[in-house]
């Protein structure tokens, strides 16, 4: 849980993580004090979902599988990928036969990305769980060093698996649209402009991202978070 000593701890360089609905609630309180413009947005958005998965291969794999496909398609692919014991690990993914991706319905690009991640985890070159306790820049660099893992994927993993508190995926189109709608902008901000706008919400940008996803979901009447 976020404590009253969070800010002083952060100033000494330690990493705080989100692990519960209460952490999100407390983070939102601090965010609204930081930027009162968000109070009315929060009132419309309602409660903010935690949507947290355990850090590790399965969480990152689920994010990758879900990209650029409908939720129904992603869940159908995911069910086909899950082994009998119901947990997808780097070790059992590495044991799939070379053409298994076709049976799952995965694209070749996603399958190759998952294979590289699995190999890195199995070899000990990548500790996905350990990224929860690393500074954001270092954790992002480790993830994006893997071919096929872009900034959005890495940021969403750090938010929804690693529990990082100060991540804002400015390349996310839903967030761009949400910020534009919330502030009455004439056009949605591009990733660079949105990243600059989001600096006002540091060190609670992960909570701000949840807020804007929730706000836009209310506006559109459907869920928009990048993971289920």
Foldseek 3Di string as FASTA:
>chain_A
DDDPCNVVVVVVPWFDFDDDLVSLVVLVVVLCVLPVLCVVLLVLLDRFDLLADAWALQLLLLLLLLPPDDPVLSVQLVVLPADPVRDDHLVVLLVDPPPVCVVSVHDPLSSVLSPQVSVCVVVVNDDRNCLLTDPPVVQQVSQPVRPSQDNQSSLLSCVRHSRGFAGAQLQDVQLQVLVCVSVVNPHGDHSVVVVVVLVSRPPRSSSVNSSSQSSVCSVVVHHDDSGD
